[in-house]
Amino acid sequence: MKKDMVAGLIIKDKKLLLVHNIKHNTLRIEPPGGKKKENENWEESVAREIKEELDIVVEPTDFFGIYDTLSPEGDFSVHMYFCKTIKGEPRVVEPDKINEFKWYSFDELEKLKKSSHLVPNMREALPNLKPFLT
């Protein structure tokens, strides 16, 4: 059974904010997000996860899509939302889980797509993100 996850797509100056997740002893480059709690709707979950991971307040503005991921940690159904930053600047909150974040241009993401570090759902979503990053 797939686990429901959320991810926030934060774009600034045609660049996408991704985090470098090291929680499972391997580098995964992915949008900020995490598990959906049963008592939350999708938008509340993505806002909470981004606050926990990067200490910024966001407002989910538009649903982007659902991308499934199969990994050694399990099977996930990731619900992605575009988010607008309301308050704060991103910072690393839990360095044992996320050691870095970076703003990526579309060209950088295209190069990163060949790497095993970019999570599969982002590789799949990249063509649909192109109009927002170019």
N, C-alpha and C. Protein backbone atom coordinates (compact mmCIF):
# COMPACT_ATOMS: atom_id res chain seq x y z
N MET A 1 0.83 -1.19 0.00
CA MET A 1 0.00 0.00 0.00
C MET A 1 0.88 1.25 0.00
N LYS A 2 0.55 2.19 -0.85
CA LYS A 2 1.34 3.41 -0.96
C LYS A 2 1.05 4.35 0.21
N LYS A 3 2.10 5.02 0.67
CA LYS A 3 1.95 6.02 1.72
C LYS A 3 1.72 7.37 1.07
N ASP A 4 0.80 8.14 1.65
CA ASP A 4 0.51 9.48 1.13
C ASP A 4 1.55 10.47 1.63
N MET A 5 2.15 11.18 0.70
CA MET A 5 3.17 12.18 1.00
C MET A 5 2.78 13.49 0.33
N VAL A 6 3.40 14.58 0.81
CA VAL A 6 3.20 15.90 0.21
C VAL A 6 4.56 16.50 -0.11
N ALA A 7 4.59 17.38 -1.10
CA ALA A 7 5.81 18.10 -1.44
C ALA A 7 5.43 19.50 -1.91
N GLY A 8 6.26 20.46 -1.54
CA GLY A 8 6.02 21.85 -1.92
C GLY A 8 6.98 22.30 -2.99
N LEU A 9 6.44 22.91 -4.02
CA LEU A 9 7.24 23.46 -5.11
C LEU A 9 7.30 24.97 -4.93
N ILE A 10 8.46 25.45 -4.48
CA ILE A 10 8.65 26.88 -4.23
C ILE A 10 9.58 27.41 -5.31
N ILE A 11 9.09 28.35 -6.09
CA ILE A 11 9.86 28.90 -7.20
C ILE A 11 10.12 30.38 -6.95
N LYS A 12 11.37 30.78 -7.15
CA LYS A 12 11.77 32.18 -6.99
C LYS A 12 12.77 32.50 -8.09
N ASP A 13 12.50 33.55 -8.84
CA ASP A 13 13.39 33.96 -9.94
C ASP A 13 13.68 32.80 -10.89
N LYS A 14 12.63 32.05 -11.22
CA LYS A 14 12.71 30.92 -12.17
C LYS A 14 13.61 29.78 -11.67
N LYS A 15 13.77 29.69 -10.34
CA LYS A 15 14.55 28.60 -9.74
C LYS A 15 13.68 27.88 -8.71
N LEU A 16 13.87 26.56 -8.64
CA LEU A 16 13.10 25.70 -7.75
C LEU A 16 13.92 25.35 -6.52
N LEU A 17 13.30 25.50 -5.36
CA LEU A 17 13.96 25.18 -4.09
C LEU A 17 13.86 23.68 -3.82
N LEU A 18 15.02 23.04 -3.69
CA LEU A 18 15.07 21.62 -3.34
C LEU A 18 15.97 21.43 -2.12
N VAL A 19 15.67 20.40 -1.34
CA VAL A 19 16.48 20.10 -0.16
C VAL A 19 17.35 18.88 -0.43
N HIS A 20 18.45 18.82 0.29
CA HIS A 20 19.36 17.67 0.22
C HIS A 20 19.10 16.82 1.47
N ASN A 21 18.32 15.78 1.29
CA ASN A 21 17.88 14.91 2.38
C ASN A 21 18.91 13.80 2.58
N ILE A 22 19.40 13.69 3.81
CA ILE A 22 20.40 12.65 4.13
C ILE A 22 19.88 11.69 5.21
N LYS A 23 18.58 11.71 5.44
CA LYS A 23 17.98 10.95 6.54
C LYS A 23 18.20 9.45 6.43
N HIS A 24 18.21 8.89 5.26
CA HIS A 24 18.33 7.43 5.09
C HIS A 24 19.74 7.02 4.67
N ASN A 25 20.75 7.75 5.15
CA ASN A 25 22.16 7.46 4.88
C ASN A 25 22.51 7.50 3.41
N THR A 26 21.76 8.25 2.65
CA THR A 26 22.06 8.47 1.24
C THR A 26 21.54 9.85 0.87
N LEU A 27 22.17 10.50 -0.07
CA LEU A 27 21.74 11.83 -0.49
C LEU A 27 20.57 11.71 -1.45
N ARG A 28 19.46 12.36 -1.10
CA ARG A 28 18.31 12.47 -2.00
C ARG A 28 17.99 13.95 -2.16
N ILE A 29 17.94 14.40 -3.40
CA ILE A 29 17.60 15.79 -3.68
C ILE A 29 16.13 15.81 -4.08
N GLU A 30 15.34 16.58 -3.32
CA GLU A 30 13.89 16.52 -3.46
C GLU A 30 13.25 17.82 -2.99
N PRO A 31 11.98 18.04 -3.34
CA PRO A 31 11.30 19.20 -2.80
C PRO A 31 11.02 18.99 -1.32
N PRO A 32 10.91 20.06 -0.55
CA PRO A 32 10.58 19.89 0.86
C PRO A 32 9.19 19.27 1.00
N GLY A 33 9.03 18.43 1.99
CA GLY A 33 7.74 17.78 2.21
C GLY A 33 7.88 16.59 3.12
N GLY A 34 6.83 15.79 3.18
CA GLY A 34 6.86 14.62 4.05
C GLY A 34 5.52 13.94 4.10
N LYS A 35 5.27 13.26 5.21
CA LYS A 35 4.06 12.45 5.36
C LYS A 35 2.84 13.32 5.66
N LYS A 36 1.73 12.93 5.07
CA LYS A 36 0.46 13.59 5.35
C LYS A 36 -0.12 12.98 6.62
N LYS A 37 -0.54 13.84 7.54
CA LYS A 37 -1.21 13.37 8.75
C LYS A 37 -2.70 13.21 8.47
N GLU A 38 -3.31 12.22 9.11
CA GLU A 38 -4.72 11.92 8.86
C GLU A 38 -5.64 13.10 9.15
N ASN A 39 -5.33 13.88 10.17
CA ASN A 39 -6.22 14.97 10.57
C ASN A 39 -6.00 16.25 9.77
N GLU A 40 -5.13 16.23 8.78
CA GLU A 40 -4.84 17.41 7.97
C GLU A 40 -5.33 17.21 6.54
N ASN A 41 -5.67 18.33 5.89
CA ASN A 41 -5.89 18.24 4.45
C ASN A 41 -4.52 18.37 3.77
N TRP A 42 -4.50 18.20 2.46
CA TRP A 42 -3.23 18.19 1.73
C TRP A 42 -2.47 19.50 1.90
N GLU A 43 -3.18 20.62 1.81
CA GLU A 43 -2.53 21.93 1.89
C GLU A 43 -1.94 22.17 3.28
N GLU A 44 -2.67 21.78 4.32
CA GLU A 44 -2.16 21.93 5.69
C GLU A 44 -0.90 21.08 5.88
N SER A 45 -0.91 19.89 5.32
CA SER A 45 0.25 19.00 5.46
C SER A 45 1.49 19.59 4.80
N VAL A 46 1.34 20.10 3.58
CA VAL A 46 2.52 20.63 2.89
C VAL A 46 3.04 21.88 3.61
N ALA A 47 2.15 22.74 4.10
CA ALA A 47 2.58 23.93 4.83
C ALA A 47 3.31 23.54 6.12
N ARG A 48 2.79 22.56 6.85
CA ARG A 48 3.43 22.11 8.09
C ARG A 48 4.81 21.52 7.82
N GLU A 49 4.90 20.65 6.82
CA GLU A 49 6.18 20.01 6.51
C GLU A 49 7.25 21.03 6.13
N ILE A 50 6.88 22.02 5.34
CA ILE A 50 7.86 23.03 4.93
C ILE A 50 8.29 23.88 6.12
N LYS A 51 7.36 24.20 7.01
CA LYS A 51 7.70 24.94 8.23
C LYS A 51 8.68 24.12 9.08
N GLU A 52 8.41 22.81 9.22
CA GLU A 52 9.28 21.95 10.01
C GLU A 52 10.67 21.82 9.40
N GLU A 53 10.74 21.72 8.08
CA GLU A 53 12.02 21.45 7.42
C GLU A 53 12.85 22.70 7.17
N LEU A 54 12.21 23.82 6.84
CA LEU A 54 12.95 25.01 6.41
C LEU A 54 12.63 26.27 7.21
N ASP A 55 11.72 26.16 8.18
CA ASP A 55 11.34 27.28 9.04
C ASP A 55 10.81 28.48 8.26
N ILE A 56 10.03 28.21 7.23
CA ILE A 56 9.35 29.29 6.51
C ILE A 56 7.85 28.99 6.48
N VAL A 57 7.07 30.06 6.42
CA VAL A 57 5.62 29.93 6.32
C VAL A 57 5.26 30.06 4.85
N VAL A 58 4.54 29.06 4.33
CA VAL A 58 4.12 29.09 2.93
C VAL A 58 2.61 28.95 2.83
N GLU A 59 2.11 29.38 1.69
CA GLU A 59 0.71 29.17 1.35
C GLU A 59 0.66 28.34 0.08
N PRO A 60 0.13 27.12 0.16
CA PRO A 60 -0.05 26.34 -1.06
C PRO A 60 -1.05 27.07 -1.97
N THR A 61 -0.66 27.30 -3.21
CA THR A 61 -1.50 28.09 -4.11
C THR A 61 -2.20 27.25 -5.16
N ASP A 62 -1.51 26.26 -5.71
CA ASP A 62 -2.09 25.44 -6.78
C ASP A 62 -1.60 24.01 -6.67
N PHE A 63 -2.50 23.09 -6.96
CA PHE A 63 -2.14 21.67 -7.02
C PHE A 63 -1.37 21.44 -8.32
N PHE A 64 -0.23 20.74 -8.23
CA PHE A 64 0.60 20.49 -9.41
C PHE A 64 0.37 19.08 -9.98
N GLY A 65 0.27 18.09 -9.11
CA GLY A 65 0.08 16.74 -9.59
C GLY A 65 0.44 15.70 -8.55
N ILE A 66 0.16 14.45 -8.88
CA ILE A 66 0.50 13.31 -8.02
C ILE A 66 1.53 12.46 -8.76
N TYR A 67 2.63 12.20 -8.09
CA TYR A 67 3.72 11.42 -8.68
C TYR A 67 4.05 10.27 -7.73
N ASP A 68 3.99 9.07 -8.25
CA ASP A 68 4.29 7.89 -7.45
C ASP A 68 5.78 7.60 -7.46
N THR A 69 6.27 7.14 -6.32
CA THR A 69 7.68 6.80 -6.19
C THR A 69 7.80 5.43 -5.54
N LEU A 70 8.61 4.58 -6.11
CA LEU A 70 8.93 3.29 -5.52
C LEU A 70 10.38 3.37 -5.05
N SER A 71 10.61 3.03 -3.79
CA SER A 71 11.97 3.13 -3.26
C SER A 71 12.19 2.05 -2.21
N PRO A 72 13.45 1.86 -1.79
CA PRO A 72 13.72 0.88 -0.74
C PRO A 72 12.99 1.19 0.57
N GLU A 73 12.67 2.48 0.79
CA GLU A 73 11.96 2.88 2.01
C GLU A 73 10.46 2.61 1.90
N GLY A 74 9.96 2.32 0.71
CA GLY A 74 8.53 2.06 0.52
C GLY A 74 8.00 2.67 -0.76
N ASP A 75 6.72 2.50 -0.96
CA ASP A 75 6.03 3.06 -2.12
C ASP A 75 5.25 4.28 -1.67
N PHE A 76 5.42 5.37 -2.41
CA PHE A 76 4.82 6.64 -2.00
C PHE A 76 3.99 7.24 -3.13
N SER A 77 2.92 7.90 -2.74
CA SER A 77 2.12 8.70 -3.65
C SER A 77 2.30 10.15 -3.21
N VAL A 78 3.07 10.92 -3.99
CA VAL A 78 3.47 12.27 -3.59
C VAL A 78 2.57 13.30 -4.26
N HIS A 79 1.85 14.05 -3.44
CA HIS A 79 0.95 15.11 -3.91
C HIS A 79 1.73 16.42 -3.86
N MET A 80 1.98 17.00 -5.04
CA MET A 80 2.80 18.20 -5.14
C MET A 80 1.94 19.45 -5.31
N TYR A 81 2.35 20.50 -4.58
CA TYR A 81 1.65 21.78 -4.62
C TYR A 81 2.65 22.91 -4.85
N PHE A 82 2.27 23.86 -5.70
CA PHE A 82 3.02 25.10 -5.77
C PHE A 82 2.75 25.86 -4.48
N CYS A 83 3.79 26.50 -3.94
CA CYS A 83 3.65 27.24 -2.69
C CYS A 83 4.27 28.62 -2.82
N LYS A 84 3.65 29.57 -2.15
CA LYS A 84 4.15 30.94 -2.10
C LYS A 84 4.68 31.18 -0.69
N THR A 85 5.89 31.74 -0.59
CA THR A 85 6.46 32.04 0.72
C THR A 85 5.75 33.26 1.29
N ILE A 86 5.25 33.12 2.51
CA ILE A 86 4.55 34.20 3.20
C ILE A 86 5.49 34.90 4.18
N LYS A 87 6.32 34.10 4.86
CA LYS A 87 7.18 34.67 5.90
C LYS A 87 8.43 33.83 6.07
N GLY A 88 9.57 34.54 6.17
CA GLY A 88 10.82 33.88 6.49
C GLY A 88 11.70 33.59 5.29
N GLU A 89 12.93 33.24 5.60
CA GLU A 89 13.91 32.79 4.61
C GLU A 89 14.27 31.35 4.97
N PRO A 90 14.42 30.49 3.96
CA PRO A 90 14.73 29.09 4.27
C PRO A 90 16.04 28.95 5.04
N ARG A 91 16.05 28.01 5.97
CA ARG A 91 17.26 27.67 6.71
C ARG A 91 17.21 26.20 7.08
N VAL A 92 18.38 25.61 7.27
CA VAL A 92 18.46 24.21 7.69
C VAL A 92 18.07 24.14 9.16
N VAL A 93 17.04 23.36 9.47
CA VAL A 93 16.53 23.24 10.83
C VAL A 93 17.06 21.98 11.51
N GLU A 94 17.05 20.86 10.79
CA GLU A 94 17.51 19.58 11.34
C GLU A 94 18.64 19.04 10.47
N PRO A 95 19.89 19.44 10.75
CA PRO A 95 21.00 19.06 9.87
C PRO A 95 21.26 17.56 9.79
N ASP A 96 20.71 16.77 10.71
CA ASP A 96 20.87 15.31 10.62
C ASP A 96 19.91 14.71 9.60
N LYS A 97 18.91 15.49 9.16
CA LYS A 97 17.96 15.02 8.14
C LYS A 97 18.17 15.73 6.81
N ILE A 98 18.28 17.04 6.88
CA ILE A 98 18.50 17.86 5.67
C ILE A 98 19.73 18.70 5.93
N ASN A 99 20.78 18.46 5.15
CA ASN A 99 22.02 19.17 5.43
C ASN A 99 22.21 20.41 4.57
N GLU A 100 21.31 20.61 3.58
CA GLU A 100 21.48 21.73 2.67
C GLU A 100 20.20 21.92 1.86
N PHE A 101 20.03 23.13 1.35
CA PHE A 101 18.99 23.38 0.35
C PHE A 101 19.61 24.25 -0.73
N LYS A 102 19.00 24.23 -1.90
CA LYS A 102 19.57 24.99 -3.02
C LYS A 102 18.45 25.36 -3.99
N TRP A 103 18.60 26.52 -4.63
CA TRP A 103 17.70 26.95 -5.69
C TRP A 103 18.28 26.45 -7.01
N TYR A 104 17.51 25.66 -7.75
CA TYR A 104 17.98 25.05 -9.00
C TYR A 104 17.27 25.65 -10.21
N SER A 105 18.07 26.00 -11.22
CA SER A 105 17.50 26.41 -12.51
C SER A 105 17.06 25.16 -13.27
N PHE A 106 16.29 25.35 -14.33
CA PHE A 106 15.85 24.21 -15.14
C PHE A 106 17.06 23.49 -15.73
N ASP A 107 18.04 24.24 -16.23
CA ASP A 107 19.23 23.61 -16.81
C ASP A 107 19.99 22.77 -15.78
N GLU A 108 20.09 23.28 -14.56
CA GLU A 108 20.76 22.52 -13.50
C GLU A 108 19.98 21.23 -13.19
N LEU A 109 18.66 21.33 -13.18
CA LEU A 109 17.83 20.15 -12.93
C LEU A 109 17.96 19.13 -14.04
N GLU A 110 18.06 19.60 -15.27
CA GLU A 110 18.24 18.69 -16.41
C GLU A 110 19.54 17.90 -16.26
N LYS A 111 20.61 18.58 -15.83
CA LYS A 111 21.88 17.89 -15.61
C LYS A 111 21.78 16.92 -14.42
N LEU A 112 21.08 17.37 -13.39
CA LEU A 112 20.93 16.57 -12.18
C LEU A 112 20.06 15.33 -12.42
N LYS A 113 19.22 15.40 -13.44
CA LYS A 113 18.31 14.30 -13.76
C LYS A 113 19.07 13.00 -14.02
N LYS A 114 20.28 13.12 -14.51
CA LYS A 114 21.10 11.94 -14.80
C LYS A 114 21.68 11.33 -13.52
N SER A 115 21.61 12.07 -12.43
CA SER A 115 22.17 11.62 -11.16
C SER A 115 21.15 10.77 -10.41
N SER A 116 21.64 9.82 -9.66
CA SER A 116 20.74 9.01 -8.84
C SER A 116 20.25 9.78 -7.61
N HIS A 117 20.82 10.96 -7.36
CA HIS A 117 20.44 11.73 -6.18
C HIS A 117 19.08 12.41 -6.33
N LEU A 118 18.72 12.80 -7.54
CA LEU A 118 17.41 13.44 -7.76
C LEU A 118 16.34 12.36 -7.65
N VAL A 119 15.36 12.59 -6.76
CA VAL A 119 14.34 11.56 -6.53
C VAL A 119 13.53 11.31 -7.81
N PRO A 120 13.08 10.07 -8.00
CA PRO A 120 12.38 9.71 -9.24
C PRO A 120 11.16 10.57 -9.56
N ASN A 121 10.39 10.96 -8.53
CA ASN A 121 9.20 11.75 -8.84
C ASN A 121 9.56 13.13 -9.39
N MET A 122 10.72 13.66 -9.03
CA MET A 122 11.14 14.94 -9.60
C MET A 122 11.62 14.76 -11.04
N ARG A 123 12.27 13.64 -11.31
CA ARG A 123 12.67 13.36 -12.70
C ARG A 123 11.43 13.29 -13.59
N GLU A 124 10.40 12.65 -13.07
CA GLU A 124 9.15 12.52 -13.83
C GLU A 124 8.42 13.85 -13.98
N ALA A 125 8.46 14.68 -12.95
CA ALA A 125 7.74 15.96 -12.96
C ALA A 125 8.45 17.04 -13.76
N LEU A 126 9.74 16.89 -13.97
CA LEU A 126 10.55 17.95 -14.58
C LEU A 126 10.00 18.49 -15.91
N PRO A 127 9.59 17.66 -16.86
CA PRO A 127 9.05 18.23 -18.10
C PRO A 127 7.84 19.13 -17.87
N ASN A 128 7.01 18.80 -16.88
CA ASN A 128 5.84 19.61 -16.58
C ASN A 128 6.19 20.89 -15.83
N LEU A 129 7.37 20.92 -15.22
CA LEU A 129 7.82 22.12 -14.50
C LEU A 129 8.51 23.13 -15.42
N LYS A 130 8.94 22.67 -16.57
CA LYS A 130 9.73 23.52 -17.47
C LYS A 130 9.10 24.89 -17.72
N PRO A 131 7.80 25.00 -18.01
CA PRO A 131 7.23 26.33 -18.28
C PRO A 131 7.36 27.31 -17.11
N PHE A 132 7.49 26.80 -15.90
CA PHE A 132 7.58 27.65 -14.72
C PHE A 132 9.02 28.05 -14.40
N LEU A 133 9.99 27.38 -15.04
CA LEU A 133 11.40 27.59 -14.72
C LEU A 133 12.20 28.17 -15.88
N THR A 134 11.55 28.42 -17.02
CA THR A 134 12.29 28.95 -18.17
C THR A 134 11.65 30.23 -18.67
